[in-house]
PDB file of N, CA and C in Angstrom:
ATOM      1  N   UNK A   1       0.800  -1.124   0.033  1.00  0.00           N
ATOM      2  CA  UNK A   1      -0.031   0.108  -0.077  1.00  0.00           C
ATOM      3  C   UNK A   1       0.934   1.297   0.043  1.00  0.00           C
ATOM      4  N   UNK A   2       0.570   2.162  -0.896  1.00  0.00           N
ATOM      5  CA  UNK A   2       1.254   3.453  -0.979  1.00  0.00           C
ATOM      6  C   UNK A   2       0.763   4.378   0.128  1.00  0.00           C
ATOM      7  N   UNK A   3       1.611   5.184   0.718  1.00  0.00           N
ATOM      8  CA  UNK A   3       1.076   6.200   1.629  1.00  0.00           C
ATOM      9  C   UNK A   3       1.601   7.566   1.306  1.00  0.00           C
ATOM     10  N   UNK A   4       0.909   8.535   1.811  1.00  0.00           N
ATOM     11  CA  UNK A   4       1.381   9.985   1.517  1.00  0.00           C
ATOM     12  C   UNK A   4       2.538  10.249   2.409  1.00  0.00           C
ATOM     13  N   UNK A   5       3.271  11.262   1.928  1.00  0.00           N
ATOM     14  CA  UNK A   5       4.516  11.576   2.638  1.00  0.00           C
ATOM     15  C   UNK A   5       4.343  12.673   3.675  1.00  0.00           C
ATOM     16  N   UNK A   6       3.762  12.246   4.816  1.00  0.00           N
ATOM     17  CA  UNK A   6       3.591  13.085   6.048  1.00  0.00           C
ATOM     18  C   UNK A   6       4.096  12.168   7.236  1.00  0.00           C
ATOM     19  N   UNK A   7       4.364  12.799   8.319  1.00  0.00           N
ATOM     20  CA  UNK A   7       4.661  11.985   9.570  1.00  0.00           C
ATOM     21  C   UNK A   7       3.569  11.073   9.912  1.00  0.00           C
ATOM     22  N   UNK A   8       3.884   9.773  10.200  1.00  0.00           N
ATOM     23  CA  UNK A   8       2.969   8.756  10.749  1.00  0.00           C
ATOM     24  C   UNK A   8       3.145   8.660  12.227  1.00  0.00           C
ATOM     25  N   UNK A   9       2.150   9.100  13.028  1.00  0.00           N
ATOM     26  CA  UNK A   9       2.230   9.207  14.391  1.00  0.00           C
ATOM     27  C   UNK A   9       1.570   8.186  15.286  1.00  0.00           C
ATOM     28  N   UNK A  10       0.956   7.211  14.557  1.00  0.00           N
ATOM     29  CA  UNK A  10       0.297   6.102  15.197  1.00  0.00           C
ATOM     30  C   UNK A  10      -0.977   6.586  16.010  1.00  0.00           C
ATOM     31  N   UNK A  11      -1.419   5.843  16.917  1.00  0.00           N
ATOM     32  CA  UNK A  11      -2.701   6.058  17.605  1.00  0.00           C
ATOM     33  C   UNK A  11      -2.436   7.146  18.749  1.00  0.00           C
ATOM     34  N   UNK A  12      -3.437   7.821  19.199  1.00  0.00           N
ATOM     35  CA  UNK A  12      -3.323   8.677  20.323  1.00  0.00           C
ATOM     36  C   UNK A  12      -3.035   7.866  21.631  1.00  0.00           C
ATOM     37  N   UNK A  13      -2.086   8.253  22.349  1.00  0.00           N
ATOM     38  CA  UNK A  13      -1.760   7.679  23.589  1.00  0.00           C
ATOM     39  C   UNK A  13      -2.439   8.327  24.737  1.00  0.00           C
ATOM     40  N   UNK A  14      -3.420   7.637  25.501  1.00  0.00           N
ATOM     41  CA  UNK A  14      -4.154   8.322  26.601  1.00  0.00           C
ATOM     42  C   UNK A  14      -3.156   8.885  27.678  1.00  0.00           C
ATOM     43  N   UNK A  15      -1.954   8.465  27.798  1.00  0.00           N
ATOM     44  CA  UNK A  15      -1.024   8.974  28.807  1.00  0.00           C
ATOM     45  C   UNK A  15      -0.260  10.197  28.334  1.00  0.00           C
ATOM     46  N   UNK A  16      -0.520  10.562  27.098  1.00  0.00           N
ATOM     47  CA  UNK A  16       0.268  11.740  26.560  1.00  0.00           C
ATOM     48  C   UNK A  16      -0.844  12.751  26.036  1.00  0.00           C
ATOM     49  N   UNK A  17      -0.457  14.040  26.087  1.00  0.00           N
ATOM     50  CA  UNK A  17      -1.360  15.091  25.627  1.00  0.00           C
ATOM     51  C   UNK A  17      -1.543  15.007  24.048  1.00  0.00           C
ATOM     52  N   UNK A  18      -2.795  15.094  23.701  1.00  0.00           N
ATOM     53  CA  UNK A  18      -3.073  15.189  22.247  1.00  0.00           C
ATOM     54  C   UNK A  18      -4.306  16.243  22.129  1.00  0.00           C
ATOM     55  N   UNK A  19      -4.130  17.108  21.184  1.00  0.00           N
ATOM     56  CA  UNK A  19      -5.179  18.065  20.938  1.00  0.00           C
ATOM     57  C   UNK A  19      -6.398  17.371  20.398  1.00  0.00           C
ATOM     58  N   UNK A  20      -7.701  18.113  20.567  1.00  0.00           N
ATOM     59  CA  UNK A  20      -8.882  17.449  20.081  1.00  0.00           C
ATOM     60  C   UNK A  20      -8.837  17.096  18.668  1.00  0.00           C
ATOM     61  N   UNK A  21      -9.448  15.929  18.268  1.00  0.00           N
ATOM     62  CA  UNK A  21      -9.528  15.356  16.894  1.00  0.00           C
ATOM     63  C   UNK A  21     -11.003  15.530  16.462  1.00  0.00           C
ATOM     64  N   UNK A  22     -11.275  16.207  15.440  1.00  0.00           N
ATOM     65  CA  UNK A  22     -12.706  16.538  14.982  1.00  0.00           C
ATOM     66  C   UNK A  22     -12.843  16.182  13.557  1.00  0.00           C
ATOM     67  N   UNK A  23     -14.059  15.796  13.160  1.00  0.00           N
ATOM     68  CA  UNK A  23     -14.324  15.645  11.803  1.00  0.00           C
ATOM     69  C   UNK A  23     -14.517  16.923  11.122  1.00  0.00           C
ATOM     70  N   UNK A  24     -14.131  17.043   9.867  1.00  0.00           N
ATOM     71  CA  UNK A  24     -14.271  18.394   9.051  1.00  0.00           C
ATOM     72  C   UNK A  24     -15.541  19.010   9.055  1.00  0.00           C
ATOM     73  N   UNK A  25     -16.678  18.178   9.070  1.00  0.00           N
ATOM     74  CA  UNK A  25     -17.885  18.649   8.986  1.00  0.00           C
ATOM     75  C   UNK A  25     -18.796  18.348  10.166  1.00  0.00           C
ATOM     76  N   UNK A  26     -18.049  18.097  11.275  1.00  0.00           N
ATOM     77  CA  UNK A  26     -18.833  17.783  12.622  1.00  0.00           C
ATOM     78  C   UNK A  26     -19.428  19.162  13.109  1.00  0.00           C
ATOM     79  N   UNK A  27     -20.756  19.008  13.466  1.00  0.00           N
ATOM     80  CA  UNK A  27     -21.505  20.141  13.933  1.00  0.00           C
ATOM     81  C   UNK A  27     -20.805  20.676  15.271  1.00  0.00           C
ATOM     82  N   UNK A  28     -20.030  19.943  16.026  1.00  0.00           N
ATOM     83  CA  UNK A  28     -19.530  20.505  17.256  1.00  0.00           C
ATOM     84  C   UNK A  28     -18.098  21.070  16.853  1.00  0.00           C
ATOM     85  N   UNK A  29     -17.673  21.053  15.740  1.00  0.00           N
ATOM     86  CA  UNK A  29     -16.249  21.500  15.382  1.00  0.00           C
ATOM     87  C   UNK A  29     -15.935  23.020  15.873  1.00  0.00           C
ATOM     88  N   UNK A  30     -16.960  23.748  15.571  1.00  0.00           N
ATOM     89  CA  UNK A  30     -16.747  25.187  16.001  1.00  0.00           C
ATOM     90  C   UNK A  30     -16.734  25.388  17.511  1.00  0.00           C
ATOM     91  N   UNK A  31     -17.465  24.638  18.261  1.00  0.00           N
ATOM     92  CA  UNK A  31     -17.424  24.773  19.683  1.00  0.00           C
ATOM     93  C   UNK A  31     -16.021  24.194  20.165  1.00  0.00           C
ATOM     94  N   UNK A  32     -15.517  23.081  19.603  1.00  0.00           N
ATOM     95  CA  UNK A  32     -14.214  22.641  19.923  1.00  0.00           C
ATOM     96  C   UNK A  32     -13.043  23.674  19.641  1.00  0.00           C
ATOM     97  N   UNK A  33     -13.248  24.255  18.432  1.00  0.00           N
ATOM     98  CA  UNK A  33     -12.146  25.219  18.005  1.00  0.00           C
ATOM     99  C   UNK A  33     -12.193  26.383  19.008  1.00  0.00           C
ATOM    100  N   UNK A  34     -13.382  26.806  19.451  1.00  0.00           N
ATOM    101  CA  UNK A  34     -13.555  27.943  20.376  1.00  0.00           C
ATOM    102  C   UNK A  34     -12.742  27.647  21.636  1.00  0.00           C
ATOM    103  N   UNK A  35     -12.734  26.408  22.026  1.00  0.00           N
ATOM    104  CA  UNK A  35     -12.041  26.043  23.246  1.00  0.00           C
ATOM    105  C   UNK A  35     -10.571  26.078  23.147  1.00  0.00           C
ATOM    106  N   UNK A  36     -10.075  26.061  21.813  1.00  0.00           N
ATOM    107  CA  UNK A  36      -8.633  26.163  21.627  1.00  0.00           C
ATOM    108  C   UNK A  36      -8.329  27.442  20.804  1.00  0.00           C
ATOM    109  N   UNK A  37      -8.632  28.603  21.354  1.00  0.00           N
ATOM    110  CA  UNK A  37      -8.764  29.902  20.542  1.00  0.00           C
ATOM    111  C   UNK A  37      -7.325  30.287  19.946  1.00  0.00           C
ATOM    112  N   UNK A  38      -7.267  30.070  18.746  1.00  0.00           N
ATOM    113  CA  UNK A  38      -6.048  30.511  17.924  1.00  0.00           C
ATOM    114  C   UNK A  38      -4.801  29.867  18.374  1.00  0.00           C
ATOM    115  N   UNK A  39      -4.745  28.597  18.926  1.00  0.00           N
ATOM    116  CA  UNK A  39      -3.425  28.028  19.249  1.00  0.00           C
ATOM    117  C   UNK A  39      -2.677  27.931  18.156  1.00  0.00           C
ATOM    118  N   UNK A  40      -1.279  28.250  18.178  1.00  0.00           N
ATOM    119  CA  UNK A  40      -0.406  28.140  17.040  1.00  0.00           C
ATOM    120  C   UNK A  40       0.026  26.728  16.787  1.00  0.00           C
ATOM    121  N   UNK A  41      -0.274  25.813  17.674  1.00  0.00           N
ATOM    122  CA  UNK A  41       0.231  24.431  17.416  1.00  0.00           C
ATOM    123  C   UNK A  41      -0.819  23.461  17.760  1.00  0.00           C
ATOM    124  N   UNK A  42      -0.659  22.189  17.441  1.00  0.00           N
ATOM    125  CA  UNK A  42      -1.497  21.060  17.873  1.00  0.00           C
ATOM    126  C   UNK A  42      -0.526  20.138  18.498  1.00  0.00           C
ATOM    127  N   UNK A  43      -0.927  19.418  19.542  1.00  0.00           N
ATOM    128  CA  UNK A  43      -0.198  18.367  20.165  1.00  0.00           C
ATOM    129  C   UNK A  43      -0.819  16.945  19.725  1.00  0.00           C
ATOM    130  N   UNK A  44       0.243  15.996  19.468  1.00  0.00           N
ATOM    131  CA  UNK A  44      -0.099  14.630  19.296  1.00  0.00           C
ATOM    132  C   UNK A  44       0.858  13.790  20.070  1.00  0.00           C
ATOM    133  N   UNK A  45       0.306  13.084  21.118  1.00  0.00           N
ATOM    134  CA  UNK A  45       1.222  12.339  21.926  1.00  0.00           C
ATOM    135  C   UNK A  45       2.349  13.113  22.469  1.00  0.00           C
ATOM    136  N   UNK A  46       2.137  14.317  22.929  1.00  0.00           N
ATOM    137  CA  UNK A  46       3.037  15.181  23.556  1.00  0.00           C
ATOM    138  C   UNK A  46       4.017  15.916  22.547  1.00  0.00           C
ATOM    139  N   UNK A  47       3.918  15.729  21.288  1.00  0.00           N
ATOM    140  CA  UNK A  47       4.834  16.393  20.327  1.00  0.00           C
ATOM    141  C   UNK A  47       4.028  17.522  19.735  1.00  0.00           C
ATOM    142  N   UNK A  48       4.602  18.693  19.483  1.00  0.00           N
ATOM    143  CA  UNK A  48       3.916  19.849  18.946  1.00  0.00           C
ATOM    144  C   UNK A  48       4.071  19.973  17.469  1.00  0.00           C
ATOM    145  N   UNK A  49       3.013  20.364  16.719  1.00  0.00           N
ATOM    146  CA  UNK A  49       2.946  20.537  15.331  1.00  0.00           C
ATOM    147  C   UNK A  49       2.443  21.876  15.038  1.00  0.00           C
ATOM    148  N   UNK A  50       3.052  22.694  14.110  1.00  0.00           N
ATOM    149  CA  UNK A  50       2.646  23.874  13.759  1.00  0.00           C
ATOM    150  C   UNK A  50       1.207  23.942  13.036  1.00  0.00           C
ATOM    151  N   UNK A  51       0.542  24.954  13.089  1.00  0.00           N
ATOM    152  CA  UNK A  51      -0.769  25.278  12.485  1.00  0.00           C
ATOM    153  C   UNK A  51      -0.559  24.841  10.889  1.00  0.00           C
ATOM    154  N   UNK A  52      -1.342  24.092  10.353  1.00  0.00           N
ATOM    155  CA  UNK A  52      -1.241  23.666   8.907  1.00  0.00           C
ATOM    156  C   UNK A  52      -0.592  22.394   8.678  1.00  0.00           C
ATOM    157  N   UNK A  53       0.104  21.989   9.641  1.00  0.00           N
ATOM    158  CA  UNK A  53       0.882  20.611   9.616  1.00  0.00           C
ATOM    159  C   UNK A  53      -0.081  19.527   9.453  1.00  0.00           C
ATOM    160  N   UNK A  54       0.279  18.437   8.679  1.00  0.00           N
ATOM    161  CA  UNK A  54      -0.455  17.331   8.492  1.00  0.00           C
ATOM    162  C   UNK A  54       0.251  16.036   9.008  1.00  0.00           C
ATOM    163  N   UNK A  55      -0.466  15.128   9.601  1.00  0.00           N
ATOM    164  CA  UNK A  55       0.083  13.813  10.046  1.00  0.00           C
ATOM    165  C   UNK A  55      -0.884  12.771   9.748  1.00  0.00           C
ATOM    166  N   UNK A  56      -0.357  11.545   9.818  1.00  0.00           N
ATOM    167  CA  UNK A  56      -1.312  10.392   9.721  1.00  0.00           C
ATOM    168  C   UNK A  56      -1.367   9.604  10.977  1.00  0.00           C
ATOM    169  N   UNK A  57      -2.489   9.440  11.440  1.00  0.00           N
ATOM    170  CA  UNK A  57      -2.817   8.576  12.663  1.00  0.00           C
ATOM    171  C   UNK A  57      -3.507   7.394  12.101  1.00  0.00           C
ATOM    172  N   UNK A  58      -2.777   6.216  12.127  1.00  0.00           N
ATOM    173  CA  UNK A  58      -3.415   5.109  11.350  1.00  0.00           C
ATOM    174  C   UNK A  58      -3.541   5.455   9.950  1.00  0.00           C
ATOM    175  N   UNK A  59      -4.732   5.273   9.470  1.00  0.00           N
ATOM    176  CA  UNK A  59      -4.931   5.544   8.008  1.00  0.00           C
ATOM    177  C   UNK A  59      -5.661   6.856   7.822  1.00  0.00           C
ATOM    178  N   UNK A  60      -5.746   7.725   8.983  1.00  0.00           N
ATOM    179  CA  UNK A  60      -6.546   8.946   8.803  1.00  0.00           C
ATOM    180  C   UNK A  60      -5.533  10.129   8.695  1.00  0.00           C
ATOM    181  N   UNK A  61      -5.751  10.982   7.736  1.00  0.00           N
ATOM    182  CA  UNK A  61      -5.029  12.170   7.531  1.00  0.00           C
ATOM    183  C   UNK A  61      -5.573  13.308   8.384  1.00  0.00           C
ATOM    184  N   UNK A  62      -4.791  13.934   9.327  1.00  0.00           N
ATOM    185  CA  UNK A  62      -5.139  14.935  10.186  1.00  0.00           C
ATOM    186  C   UNK A  62      -4.469  16.259   9.760  1.00  0.00           C
ATOM    187  N   UNK A  63      -5.150  17.338   9.881  1.00  0.00           N
ATOM    188  CA  UNK A  63      -4.462  18.684   9.698  1.00  0.00           C
ATOM    189  C   UNK A  63      -4.688  19.537  10.940  1.00  0.00           C
ATOM    190  N   UNK A  64      -3.590  20.142  11.333  1.00  0.00           N
ATOM    191  CA  UNK A  64      -3.611  21.051  12.517  1.00  0.00           C
ATOM    192  C   UNK A  64      -4.279  22.294  12.134  1.00  0.00           C
ATOM    193  N   UNK A  65      -5.413  22.605  12.853  1.00  0.00           N
ATOM    194  CA  UNK A  65      -6.172  23.942  12.563  1.00  0.00           C
ATOM    195  C   UNK A  65      -6.259  24.592  13.887  1.00  0.00           C
ATOM    196  N   UNK A  66      -5.203  25.470  14.182  1.00  0.00           N
ATOM    197  CA  UNK A  66      -5.349  26.304  15.385  1.00  0.00           C
ATOM    198  C   UNK A  66      -5.681  25.633  16.644  1.00  0.00           C
ATOM    199  N   UNK A  67      -4.959  24.516  16.891  1.00  0.00           N
ATOM    200  CA  UNK A  67      -5.107  23.904  18.203  1.00  0.00           C
ATOM    201  C   UNK A  67      -6.054  22.592  18.155  1.00  0.00           C
ATOM    202  N   UNK A  68      -6.574  22.338  17.052  1.00  0.00           N
ATOM    203  CA  UNK A  68      -7.358  21.082  16.920  1.00  0.00           C
ATOM    204  C   UNK A  68      -7.023  20.389  15.649  1.00  0.00           C
ATOM    205  N   UNK A  69      -7.068  19.064  15.807  1.00  0.00           N
ATOM    206  CA  UNK A  69      -6.768  18.249  14.594  1.00  0.00           C
ATOM    207  C   UNK A  69      -8.136  18.021  13.881  1.00  0.00           C
ATOM    208  N   UNK A  70      -8.016  18.138  12.507  1.00  0.00           N
ATOM    209  CA  UNK A  70      -9.188  18.069  11.680  1.00  0.00           C
ATOM    210  C   UNK A  70      -8.994  16.905  10.770  1.00  0.00           C
ATOM    211  N   UNK A  71      -9.903  15.904  10.729  1.00  0.00           N
ATOM    212  CA  UNK A  71      -9.851  14.712   9.855  1.00  0.00           C
ATOM    213  C   UNK A  71      -9.949  15.187   8.441  1.00  0.00           C
ATOM    214  N   UNK A  72      -9.023  14.831   7.566  1.00  0.00           N
ATOM    215  CA  UNK A  72      -9.123  15.388   6.314  1.00  0.00           C
ATOM    216  C   UNK A  72      -9.360  14.198   5.217  1.00  0.00           C
ATOM    217  N   UNK A  73      -9.281  13.008   5.618  1.00  0.00           N
ATOM    218  CA  UNK A  73      -9.547  11.840   4.736  1.00  0.00           C
ATOM    219  C   UNK A  73      -8.530  10.789   5.019  1.00  0.00           C
ATOM    220  N   UNK A  74      -8.198  10.057   3.933  1.00  0.00           N
ATOM    221  CA  UNK A  74      -7.397   8.842   4.106  1.00  0.00           C
ATOM    222  C   UNK A  74      -5.833   9.063   3.909  1.00  0.00           C
ATOM    223  N   UNK A  75      -5.005   8.373   4.514  1.00  0.00           N
ATOM    224  CA  UNK A  75      -3.597   8.572   4.264  1.00  0.00           C
ATOM    225  C   UNK A  75      -3.153   7.585   3.191  1.00  0.00           C
ATOM    226  N   UNK A  76      -4.116   6.780   2.672  1.00  0.00           N
ATOM    227  CA  UNK A  76      -3.869   5.864   1.638  1.00  0.00           C
ATOM    228  C   UNK A  76      -4.351   6.575   0.290  1.00  0.00           C
ATOM    229  N   UNK A  77      -3.423   6.944  -0.588  1.00  0.00           N
ATOM    230  CA  UNK A  77      -3.874   7.561  -1.800  1.00  0.00           C
ATOM    231  C   UNK A  77      -4.618   6.744  -2.731  1.00  0.00           C
ATOM    232  N   UNK A  78      -4.611   5.474  -2.766  1.00  0.00           N
ATOM    233  CA  UNK A  78      -5.369   4.656  -3.531  1.00  0.00           C
ATOM    234  C   UNK A  78      -6.793   4.509  -3.004  1.00  0.00           C
ATOM    235  N   UNK A  79      -7.122   4.790  -1.686  1.00  0.00           N
ATOM    236  CA  UNK A  79      -8.394   4.703  -1.129  1.00  0.00           C
ATOM    237  C   UNK A  79      -8.760   6.061  -0.258  1.00  0.00           C
ATOM    238  N   UNK A  80      -8.820   7.196  -0.995  1.00  0.00           N
ATOM    239  CA  UNK A  80      -9.064   8.450  -0.346  1.00  0.00           C
ATOM    240  C   UNK A  80     -10.223   8.486   0.516  1.00  0.00           C
TER     241      UNK A  80
END
C-alpha cells in the first residue's frame, strides 16, 4: 500500500497530551475550536506540530487547525 509523505504518528496515547480530533464537517467543530482559541500548534502524543501541519494517525489524515486536529480523509492515496 502506498502512503502519502507526512509523519505517521500512530494512535493517540491516553498517557500523553493530544489536541482534540474532530471531523471536518462535525457540527461540534466550531465549539471545539473555540475552546482552543487561535492556538499556534497542535499536540499529538506530547509532540507539537505547527498550524497547517499534516500527520497520519493510522490511515486517517489529520491537519492542525489552530489547536485542533481536523480529519481530512485517508492517508492511503489509493483509497481516499
